Amino acid sequence: MTAVLQDPAAAADHLLRHADVFGVAQAAGHTTALAAARLELTLLPLPAFAADGYPVEQIRLVILPPGDRFHAYPRSGSSRPFKHRNPQLRDLCLQYNRDDPALLWLPEDGLEPLVTLVHRHLIFEEAWRRSGEWPCEDAPHGDDRQAPHRIVTTAMRKELGRWSRT
């Protein structure tokens, strides 16, 4: 993430031309006055979802120094409802910070997995708008307990083991 913070324009160009990540149709990078990296991205839906009318998404991804925190702001369809969006900042609620590290994006994962996380989340939001159901297990909002979210599905327990960082 250091390289993204040092040269957001180069990071955007990498996403657009060289990255192994699906659907980045446009990308531009800038440094903000507070030395954060701001990436403006246009993300295409997966082909099967495009055929079903899922929208092209505009997103602003802001990565804060030293690269361990980020915010993702939907820039298209502002009147659409979002199930997982923080009410005060209006950014997407992408992670449950008390989950096992295997289920979280961490800075050492890099930019491509972060963009994929955002992209997948936007697809999930559209699926939820259409069906009323979140397409996978999701963590609760407003949970003030200090414990991790209890994994309840067999599929998610398998993923936890599959992606274990230990």
N, C-alpha and C. Protein backbone atom coordinates (compact mmCIF):
# COMPACT_ATOMS: atom_id res chain seq x y z
N MET A 1 0.82 -1.19 0.00
CA MET A 1 0.00 0.00 0.00
C MET A 1 0.87 1.25 0.00
N THR A 2 2.13 1.10 0.39
CA THR A 2 3.06 2.23 0.36
C THR A 2 3.18 2.78 -1.05
N ALA A 3 3.29 1.90 -2.04
CA ALA A 3 3.42 2.35 -3.43
C ALA A 3 2.16 3.07 -3.89
N VAL A 4 1.00 2.65 -3.45
CA VAL A 4 -0.26 3.31 -3.82
C VAL A 4 -0.27 4.72 -3.24
N LEU A 5 0.14 4.86 -1.99
CA LEU A 5 0.18 6.18 -1.36
C LEU A 5 1.21 7.09 -2.01
N GLN A 6 2.33 6.52 -2.45
CA GLN A 6 3.39 7.32 -3.07
C GLN A 6 3.01 7.79 -4.46
N ASP A 7 2.29 6.97 -5.21
CA ASP A 7 1.95 7.33 -6.59
C ASP A 7 0.58 6.76 -6.98
N PRO A 8 -0.49 7.42 -6.52
CA PRO A 8 -1.82 6.90 -6.84
C PRO A 8 -2.11 6.83 -8.34
N ALA A 9 -1.55 7.73 -9.12
CA ALA A 9 -1.78 7.69 -10.57
C ALA A 9 -1.20 6.42 -11.17
N ALA A 10 -0.01 6.04 -10.74
CA ALA A 10 0.60 4.80 -11.22
C ALA A 10 -0.20 3.58 -10.76
N ALA A 11 -0.71 3.63 -9.54
CA ALA A 11 -1.53 2.52 -9.03
C ALA A 11 -2.80 2.38 -9.86
N ALA A 12 -3.42 3.50 -10.20
CA ALA A 12 -4.63 3.47 -11.03
C ALA A 12 -4.31 2.91 -12.41
N ASP A 13 -3.20 3.34 -12.98
CA ASP A 13 -2.80 2.83 -14.29
C ASP A 13 -2.54 1.32 -14.22
N HIS A 14 -1.92 0.87 -13.16
CA HIS A 14 -1.68 -0.57 -12.98
C HIS A 14 -3.00 -1.33 -12.94
N LEU A 15 -3.98 -0.82 -12.18
CA LEU A 15 -5.28 -1.49 -12.12
C LEU A 15 -5.93 -1.57 -13.50
N LEU A 16 -5.77 -0.52 -14.26
CA LEU A 16 -6.42 -0.44 -15.56
C LEU A 16 -5.74 -1.30 -16.61
N ARG A 17 -4.42 -1.39 -16.57
CA ARG A 17 -3.68 -2.02 -17.67
C ARG A 17 -2.98 -3.34 -17.33
N HIS A 18 -2.64 -3.55 -16.07
CA HIS A 18 -1.77 -4.68 -15.77
C HIS A 18 -2.28 -5.61 -14.66
N ALA A 19 -3.23 -5.17 -13.89
CA ALA A 19 -3.65 -5.95 -12.72
C ALA A 19 -4.45 -7.17 -13.13
N ASP A 20 -4.39 -8.17 -12.27
CA ASP A 20 -5.17 -9.38 -12.45
C ASP A 20 -6.46 -9.23 -11.63
N VAL A 21 -7.28 -8.27 -12.05
CA VAL A 21 -8.54 -7.99 -11.36
C VAL A 21 -9.58 -7.69 -12.44
N PHE A 22 -10.78 -8.25 -12.28
CA PHE A 22 -11.79 -8.10 -13.31
C PHE A 22 -12.53 -6.78 -13.19
N GLY A 23 -12.86 -6.18 -14.33
CA GLY A 23 -13.89 -5.17 -14.41
C GLY A 23 -13.49 -3.73 -14.23
N VAL A 24 -12.20 -3.42 -14.09
CA VAL A 24 -11.81 -2.02 -13.96
C VAL A 24 -11.80 -1.41 -15.36
N ALA A 25 -12.82 -0.59 -15.64
CA ALA A 25 -12.97 0.00 -16.97
C ALA A 25 -12.30 1.37 -17.05
N GLN A 26 -12.27 2.10 -15.96
CA GLN A 26 -11.60 3.39 -15.88
C GLN A 26 -10.98 3.52 -14.51
N ALA A 27 -9.84 4.21 -14.46
CA ALA A 27 -9.17 4.41 -13.17
C ALA A 27 -8.33 5.67 -13.25
N ALA A 28 -8.40 6.48 -12.21
CA ALA A 28 -7.56 7.66 -12.08
C ALA A 28 -7.14 7.76 -10.62
N GLY A 29 -5.92 8.21 -10.38
CA GLY A 29 -5.41 8.31 -9.02
C GLY A 29 -4.86 9.68 -8.74
N HIS A 30 -5.07 10.14 -7.51
CA HIS A 30 -4.61 11.46 -7.08
C HIS A 30 -4.16 11.37 -5.62
N THR A 31 -3.32 12.30 -5.23
CA THR A 31 -2.96 12.45 -3.82
C THR A 31 -3.78 13.59 -3.25
N THR A 32 -4.37 13.37 -2.08
CA THR A 32 -5.17 14.42 -1.45
C THR A 32 -4.27 15.34 -0.63
N ALA A 33 -4.84 16.42 -0.13
CA ALA A 33 -4.09 17.38 0.68
C ALA A 33 -3.55 16.73 1.96
N LEU A 34 -4.18 15.67 2.43
CA LEU A 34 -3.73 14.99 3.65
C LEU A 34 -2.86 13.77 3.35
N ALA A 35 -2.32 13.69 2.14
CA ALA A 35 -1.42 12.62 1.69
C ALA A 35 -2.10 11.26 1.57
N ALA A 36 -3.41 11.25 1.47
CA ALA A 36 -4.13 10.02 1.19
C ALA A 36 -4.13 9.78 -0.31
N ALA A 37 -4.31 8.53 -0.71
CA ALA A 37 -4.47 8.19 -2.13
C ALA A 37 -5.96 8.14 -2.42
N ARG A 38 -6.37 8.83 -3.48
CA ARG A 38 -7.77 8.81 -3.90
C ARG A 38 -7.83 8.20 -5.29
N LEU A 39 -8.52 7.08 -5.40
CA LEU A 39 -8.69 6.40 -6.68
C LEU A 39 -10.14 6.51 -7.10
N GLU A 40 -10.36 6.99 -8.31
CA GLU A 40 -11.70 7.06 -8.90
C GLU A 40 -11.79 5.91 -9.89
N LEU A 41 -12.71 4.98 -9.63
CA LEU A 41 -12.78 3.74 -10.41
C LEU A 41 -14.17 3.56 -11.02
N THR A 42 -14.18 3.03 -12.24
CA THR A 42 -15.41 2.56 -12.88
C THR A 42 -15.29 1.05 -12.95
N LEU A 43 -16.25 0.36 -12.35
CA LEU A 43 -16.22 -1.10 -12.26
C LEU A 43 -17.39 -1.70 -13.03
N LEU A 44 -17.07 -2.60 -13.94
CA LEU A 44 -18.09 -3.28 -14.74
C LEU A 44 -18.61 -4.50 -13.99
N PRO A 45 -19.88 -4.82 -14.13
CA PRO A 45 -20.39 -6.05 -13.52
C PRO A 45 -19.83 -7.27 -14.25
N LEU A 46 -19.79 -8.38 -13.57
CA LEU A 46 -19.43 -9.65 -14.22
C LEU A 46 -20.40 -9.88 -15.38
N PRO A 47 -19.95 -10.55 -16.44
CA PRO A 47 -20.81 -10.70 -17.64
C PRO A 47 -22.21 -11.25 -17.36
N ALA A 48 -22.32 -12.25 -16.51
CA ALA A 48 -23.65 -12.81 -16.22
C ALA A 48 -24.53 -11.78 -15.52
N PHE A 49 -23.94 -10.97 -14.67
CA PHE A 49 -24.70 -9.92 -13.99
C PHE A 49 -25.03 -8.77 -14.93
N ALA A 50 -24.11 -8.45 -15.83
CA ALA A 50 -24.38 -7.41 -16.83
C ALA A 50 -25.58 -7.81 -17.68
N ALA A 51 -25.64 -9.08 -18.06
CA ALA A 51 -26.77 -9.57 -18.86
C ALA A 51 -28.08 -9.46 -18.09
N ASP A 52 -27.98 -9.46 -16.76
CA ASP A 52 -29.17 -9.35 -15.92
C ASP A 52 -29.45 -7.89 -15.52
N GLY A 53 -28.71 -6.96 -16.11
CA GLY A 53 -28.98 -5.54 -15.87
C GLY A 53 -28.30 -4.93 -14.66
N TYR A 54 -27.32 -5.61 -14.08
CA TYR A 54 -26.59 -5.01 -12.97
C TYR A 54 -25.84 -3.79 -13.49
N PRO A 55 -25.75 -2.73 -12.69
CA PRO A 55 -25.18 -1.48 -13.19
C PRO A 55 -23.66 -1.45 -13.19
N VAL A 56 -23.13 -0.58 -14.03
CA VAL A 56 -21.72 -0.18 -13.94
C VAL A 56 -21.63 0.69 -12.70
N GLU A 57 -20.59 0.51 -11.91
CA GLU A 57 -20.44 1.24 -10.65
C GLU A 57 -19.29 2.24 -10.71
N GLN A 58 -19.53 3.41 -10.17
CA GLN A 58 -18.49 4.41 -9.97
C GLN A 58 -18.16 4.40 -8.48
N ILE A 59 -16.88 4.34 -8.16
CA ILE A 59 -16.47 4.27 -6.77
C ILE A 59 -15.29 5.19 -6.52
N ARG A 60 -15.26 5.82 -5.38
CA ARG A 60 -14.09 6.58 -4.93
C ARG A 60 -13.49 5.78 -3.78
N LEU A 61 -12.26 5.36 -3.94
CA LEU A 61 -11.54 4.60 -2.93
C LEU A 61 -10.47 5.51 -2.35
N VAL A 62 -10.55 5.77 -1.06
CA VAL A 62 -9.58 6.64 -0.38
C VAL A 62 -8.78 5.78 0.59
N ILE A 63 -7.47 5.76 0.39
CA ILE A 63 -6.57 4.98 1.24
C ILE A 63 -5.78 5.97 2.09
N LEU A 64 -5.90 5.82 3.39
CA LEU A 64 -5.30 6.76 4.33
C LEU A 64 -3.90 6.31 4.75
N PRO A 65 -2.98 7.24 4.90
CA PRO A 65 -1.65 6.87 5.39
C PRO A 65 -1.76 6.30 6.80
N PRO A 66 -1.01 5.27 7.11
CA PRO A 66 0.08 4.66 6.36
C PRO A 66 -0.35 3.54 5.41
N GLY A 67 -1.66 3.40 5.15
CA GLY A 67 -2.14 2.40 4.20
C GLY A 67 -2.95 1.29 4.84
N ASP A 68 -3.25 1.42 6.12
CA ASP A 68 -3.99 0.35 6.80
C ASP A 68 -5.48 0.65 6.96
N ARG A 69 -5.91 1.84 6.53
CA ARG A 69 -7.33 2.19 6.60
C ARG A 69 -7.77 2.74 5.25
N PHE A 70 -9.04 2.51 4.94
CA PHE A 70 -9.57 2.97 3.65
C PHE A 70 -11.06 3.26 3.79
N HIS A 71 -11.56 4.01 2.83
CA HIS A 71 -12.99 4.26 2.71
C HIS A 71 -13.36 4.08 1.24
N ALA A 72 -14.50 3.46 0.99
CA ALA A 72 -15.01 3.27 -0.37
C ALA A 72 -16.37 3.95 -0.46
N TYR A 73 -16.45 4.94 -1.35
CA TYR A 73 -17.67 5.73 -1.51
C TYR A 73 -18.32 5.45 -2.86
N PRO A 74 -19.54 4.92 -2.87
CA PRO A 74 -20.26 4.77 -4.14
C PRO A 74 -20.53 6.15 -4.72
N ARG A 75 -20.27 6.33 -6.01
CA ARG A 75 -20.46 7.62 -6.67
C ARG A 75 -21.59 7.58 -7.68
N SER A 76 -22.12 6.40 -7.94
CA SER A 76 -23.22 6.28 -8.90
C SER A 76 -24.45 5.76 -8.17
N GLY A 77 -25.60 6.17 -8.64
CA GLY A 77 -26.84 5.68 -8.05
C GLY A 77 -27.02 6.11 -6.61
N SER A 78 -26.77 7.38 -6.31
CA SER A 78 -26.79 7.85 -4.93
C SER A 78 -28.14 7.68 -4.25
N SER A 79 -29.20 7.54 -5.01
CA SER A 79 -30.52 7.39 -4.40
C SER A 79 -30.84 5.92 -4.08
N ARG A 80 -29.97 5.00 -4.48
CA ARG A 80 -30.21 3.59 -4.20
C ARG A 80 -30.00 3.29 -2.71
N PRO A 81 -30.77 2.37 -2.17
CA PRO A 81 -30.51 1.95 -0.78
C PRO A 81 -29.29 1.04 -0.72
N PHE A 82 -28.60 1.07 0.41
CA PHE A 82 -27.46 0.19 0.68
C PHE A 82 -27.69 -0.47 2.02
N LYS A 83 -27.50 -1.76 2.08
CA LYS A 83 -27.65 -2.47 3.35
C LYS A 83 -26.44 -2.24 4.25
N HIS A 84 -25.26 -2.23 3.65
CA HIS A 84 -24.03 -2.10 4.43
C HIS A 84 -23.29 -0.83 4.03
N ARG A 85 -23.79 0.28 4.59
CA ARG A 85 -23.17 1.59 4.36
C ARG A 85 -23.19 2.33 5.69
N ASN A 86 -22.06 2.93 6.03
CA ASN A 86 -21.96 3.66 7.29
C ASN A 86 -22.74 4.98 7.18
N PRO A 87 -23.66 5.21 8.10
CA PRO A 87 -24.55 6.37 7.95
C PRO A 87 -23.85 7.72 8.03
N GLN A 88 -22.82 7.86 8.84
CA GLN A 88 -22.21 9.18 9.00
C GLN A 88 -21.26 9.52 7.85
N LEU A 89 -20.37 8.63 7.52
CA LEU A 89 -19.39 8.91 6.46
C LEU A 89 -19.93 8.62 5.07
N ARG A 90 -21.00 7.81 4.99
CA ARG A 90 -21.61 7.40 3.72
C ARG A 90 -20.71 6.47 2.91
N ASP A 91 -19.69 5.89 3.55
CA ASP A 91 -18.85 4.92 2.87
C ASP A 91 -19.42 3.52 3.07
N LEU A 92 -18.95 2.58 2.27
CA LEU A 92 -19.42 1.21 2.39
C LEU A 92 -18.87 0.56 3.65
N CYS A 93 -19.69 -0.22 4.30
CA CYS A 93 -19.27 -1.01 5.46
C CYS A 93 -18.83 -2.36 4.91
N LEU A 94 -17.53 -2.51 4.71
CA LEU A 94 -17.00 -3.66 3.99
C LEU A 94 -16.49 -4.78 4.88
N GLN A 95 -16.14 -4.47 6.10
CA GLN A 95 -15.53 -5.47 6.96
C GLN A 95 -16.05 -5.32 8.38
N TYR A 96 -16.01 -6.41 9.08
CA TYR A 96 -16.36 -6.42 10.49
C TYR A 96 -15.03 -6.55 11.22
N ASN A 97 -14.55 -5.46 11.79
CA ASN A 97 -13.17 -5.40 12.24
C ASN A 97 -12.81 -6.37 13.36
N ARG A 98 -13.78 -7.00 13.98
CA ARG A 98 -13.45 -7.98 15.02
C ARG A 98 -13.46 -9.42 14.48
N ASP A 99 -13.64 -9.58 13.18
CA ASP A 99 -13.59 -10.92 12.61
C ASP A 99 -12.15 -11.44 12.61
N ASP A 100 -12.05 -12.74 12.43
CA ASP A 100 -10.75 -13.38 12.29
C ASP A 100 -10.01 -12.74 11.11
N PRO A 101 -8.69 -12.53 11.22
CA PRO A 101 -7.94 -11.92 10.11
C PRO A 101 -8.09 -12.65 8.78
N ALA A 102 -8.42 -13.93 8.80
CA ALA A 102 -8.62 -14.67 7.55
C ALA A 102 -9.79 -14.10 6.75
N LEU A 103 -10.72 -13.44 7.43
CA LEU A 103 -11.90 -12.92 6.76
C LEU A 103 -11.79 -11.43 6.44
N LEU A 104 -10.66 -10.82 6.76
CA LEU A 104 -10.48 -9.39 6.58
C LEU A 104 -9.46 -9.08 5.50
N TRP A 105 -9.63 -7.94 4.84
CA TRP A 105 -8.56 -7.41 4.00
C TRP A 105 -7.56 -6.76 4.94
N LEU A 106 -6.29 -7.06 4.73
CA LEU A 106 -5.20 -6.45 5.48
C LEU A 106 -4.27 -5.75 4.49
N PRO A 107 -3.57 -4.71 4.91
CA PRO A 107 -2.72 -3.95 3.97
C PRO A 107 -1.74 -4.81 3.18
N GLU A 108 -1.22 -5.85 3.80
CA GLU A 108 -0.26 -6.69 3.08
C GLU A 108 -0.91 -7.48 1.94
N ASP A 109 -2.24 -7.54 1.91
CA ASP A 109 -2.94 -8.18 0.80
C ASP A 109 -2.79 -7.38 -0.49
N GLY A 110 -2.67 -6.07 -0.38
CA GLY A 110 -2.44 -5.23 -1.55
C GLY A 110 -3.69 -4.62 -2.14
N LEU A 111 -3.47 -3.84 -3.20
CA LEU A 111 -4.54 -3.07 -3.82
C LEU A 111 -5.53 -3.94 -4.59
N GLU A 112 -5.06 -4.91 -5.35
CA GLU A 112 -5.97 -5.71 -6.17
C GLU A 112 -7.03 -6.43 -5.32
N PRO A 113 -6.66 -7.10 -4.22
CA PRO A 113 -7.70 -7.70 -3.38
C PRO A 113 -8.64 -6.68 -2.76
N LEU A 114 -8.15 -5.48 -2.47
CA LEU A 114 -9.01 -4.44 -1.93
C LEU A 114 -10.06 -4.01 -2.96
N VAL A 115 -9.63 -3.80 -4.19
CA VAL A 115 -10.57 -3.43 -5.25
C VAL A 115 -11.57 -4.57 -5.47
N THR A 116 -11.11 -5.80 -5.43
CA THR A 116 -12.01 -6.95 -5.59
C THR A 116 -13.02 -7.01 -4.45
N LEU A 117 -12.60 -6.71 -3.23
CA LEU A 117 -13.51 -6.67 -2.08
C LEU A 117 -14.60 -5.63 -2.30
N VAL A 118 -14.22 -4.44 -2.75
CA VAL A 118 -15.18 -3.37 -3.01
C VAL A 118 -16.14 -3.79 -4.13
N HIS A 119 -15.58 -4.33 -5.21
CA HIS A 119 -16.38 -4.74 -6.37
C HIS A 119 -17.40 -5.81 -5.97
N ARG A 120 -16.95 -6.82 -5.25
CA ARG A 120 -17.84 -7.89 -4.79
C ARG A 120 -18.95 -7.31 -3.91
N HIS A 121 -18.58 -6.39 -3.03
CA HIS A 121 -19.57 -5.80 -2.14
C HIS A 121 -20.65 -5.05 -2.93
N LEU A 122 -20.25 -4.33 -3.95
CA LEU A 122 -21.23 -3.61 -4.77
C LEU A 122 -22.18 -4.57 -5.48
N ILE A 123 -21.65 -5.69 -5.94
CA ILE A 123 -22.51 -6.72 -6.55
C ILE A 123 -23.47 -7.29 -5.51
N PHE A 124 -22.98 -7.53 -4.30
CA PHE A 124 -23.85 -8.04 -3.23
C PHE A 124 -24.95 -7.03 -2.90
N GLU A 125 -24.60 -5.74 -2.89
CA GLU A 125 -25.62 -4.72 -2.60
C GLU A 125 -26.73 -4.74 -3.65
N GLU A 126 -26.34 -4.88 -4.92
CA GLU A 126 -27.36 -4.93 -5.98
C GLU A 126 -28.20 -6.20 -5.85
N ALA A 127 -27.57 -7.32 -5.52
CA ALA A 127 -28.32 -8.56 -5.31
C ALA A 127 -29.32 -8.39 -4.17
N TRP A 128 -28.91 -7.74 -3.10
CA TRP A 128 -29.79 -7.48 -1.96
C TRP A 128 -30.96 -6.57 -2.37
N ARG A 129 -30.66 -5.53 -3.15
CA ARG A 129 -31.74 -4.64 -3.60
C ARG A 129 -32.78 -5.41 -4.41
N ARG A 130 -32.34 -6.38 -5.18
CA ARG A 130 -33.24 -7.14 -6.05
C ARG A 130 -34.02 -8.22 -5.31
N SER A 131 -33.39 -8.86 -4.33
CA SER A 131 -34.01 -10.02 -3.70
C SER A 131 -34.43 -9.80 -2.25
N GLY A 132 -33.85 -8.78 -1.61
CA GLY A 132 -34.10 -8.58 -0.19
C GLY A 132 -33.26 -9.47 0.70
N GLU A 133 -32.39 -10.29 0.08
CA GLU A 133 -31.52 -11.20 0.83
C GLU A 133 -30.07 -10.86 0.53
N TRP A 134 -29.24 -10.81 1.58
CA TRP A 134 -27.80 -10.64 1.39
C TRP A 134 -27.27 -11.99 0.90
N PRO A 135 -26.45 -12.02 -0.18
CA PRO A 135 -26.11 -13.30 -0.81
C PRO A 135 -25.08 -14.16 -0.08
N CYS A 136 -24.66 -13.75 1.08
CA CYS A 136 -23.76 -14.60 1.88
C CYS A 136 -23.97 -14.22 3.34
N GLU A 137 -23.27 -14.89 4.21
CA GLU A 137 -23.35 -14.55 5.63
C GLU A 137 -22.86 -13.12 5.81
N ASP A 138 -23.55 -12.35 6.64
CA ASP A 138 -23.10 -10.98 6.88
C ASP A 138 -23.11 -10.67 8.36
N ALA A 139 -22.20 -9.80 8.76
CA ALA A 139 -22.08 -9.40 10.15
C ALA A 139 -23.14 -8.35 10.48
N PRO A 140 -23.55 -8.31 11.73
CA PRO A 140 -24.58 -7.35 12.12
C PRO A 140 -24.04 -5.93 12.21
N HIS A 141 -24.92 -4.96 12.09
CA HIS A 141 -24.57 -3.56 12.33
C HIS A 141 -24.98 -3.18 13.75
N GLY A 142 -24.29 -2.22 14.30
CA GLY A 142 -24.65 -1.72 15.62
C GLY A 142 -24.34 -2.69 16.74
N ASP A 143 -23.46 -3.64 16.50
CA ASP A 143 -23.10 -4.63 17.50
C ASP A 143 -22.01 -4.02 18.39
N ASP A 144 -22.31 -3.82 19.67
CA ASP A 144 -21.32 -3.20 20.55
C ASP A 144 -20.56 -4.21 21.41
N ARG A 145 -20.77 -5.50 21.14
CA ARG A 145 -19.98 -6.51 21.84
C ARG A 145 -18.53 -6.43 21.38
N GLN A 146 -17.63 -6.92 22.15
CA GLN A 146 -16.22 -6.90 21.77
C GLN A 146 -15.77 -8.22 21.14
N ALA A 147 -16.69 -9.15 20.98
CA ALA A 147 -16.34 -10.46 20.43
C ALA A 147 -16.51 -10.46 18.92
N PRO A 148 -15.79 -11.34 18.24
CA PRO A 148 -16.02 -11.49 16.79
C PRO A 148 -17.43 -11.97 16.50
N HIS A 149 -17.87 -11.69 15.29
CA HIS A 149 -19.16 -12.20 14.83
C HIS A 149 -19.08 -13.72 14.79
N ARG A 150 -20.08 -14.38 15.33
CA ARG A 150 -20.10 -15.85 15.34
C ARG A 150 -20.41 -16.35 13.94
N ILE A 151 -19.52 -17.17 13.40
CA ILE A 151 -19.70 -17.76 12.08
C ILE A 151 -20.77 -18.84 12.20
N VAL A 152 -21.84 -18.73 11.41
CA VAL A 152 -22.96 -19.65 11.58
C VAL A 152 -23.12 -20.64 10.43
N THR A 153 -22.59 -20.33 9.26
CA THR A 153 -22.80 -21.24 8.13
C THR A 153 -21.59 -22.15 7.92
N THR A 154 -21.87 -23.34 7.46
CA THR A 154 -20.81 -24.29 7.15
C THR A 154 -19.88 -23.74 6.07
N ALA A 155 -20.45 -23.11 5.07
CA ALA A 155 -19.64 -22.56 3.97
C ALA A 155 -18.65 -21.52 4.48
N MET A 156 -19.08 -20.65 5.40
CA MET A 156 -18.19 -19.63 5.91
C MET A 156 -17.12 -20.22 6.82
N ARG A 157 -17.48 -21.25 7.57
CA ARG A 157 -16.46 -21.93 8.40
C ARG A 157 -15.39 -22.55 7.51
N LYS A 158 -15.79 -23.13 6.38
CA LYS A 158 -14.81 -23.70 5.44
C LYS A 158 -13.91 -22.60 4.88
N GLU A 159 -14.49 -21.45 4.54
CA GLU A 159 -13.69 -20.34 4.02
C GLU A 159 -12.71 -19.82 5.06
N LEU A 160 -13.14 -19.77 6.30
CA LEU A 160 -12.26 -19.34 7.38
C LEU A 160 -11.04 -20.24 7.45
N GLY A 161 -11.26 -21.54 7.37
CA GLY A 161 -10.13 -22.49 7.38
C GLY A 161 -9.29 -22.38 6.13
N ARG A 162 -9.93 -22.19 5.00
CA ARG A 162 -9.22 -22.10 3.72
C ARG A 162 -8.29 -20.89 3.65
N TRP A 163 -8.74 -19.77 4.20
CA TRP A 163 -7.98 -18.52 4.09
C TRP A 163 -7.20 -18.18 5.35
N SER A 164 -7.09 -19.12 6.27
CA SER A 164 -6.38 -18.87 7.52
C SER A 164 -5.01 -18.26 7.28
N ARG A 165 -4.66 -17.29 8.05
CA ARG A 165 -3.36 -16.59 7.91
C ARG A 165 -2.31 -17.16 8.82
N THR A 166 -2.62 -18.20 9.60
CA THR A 166 -1.64 -18.75 10.52
C THR A 166 -0.90 -19.92 9.92
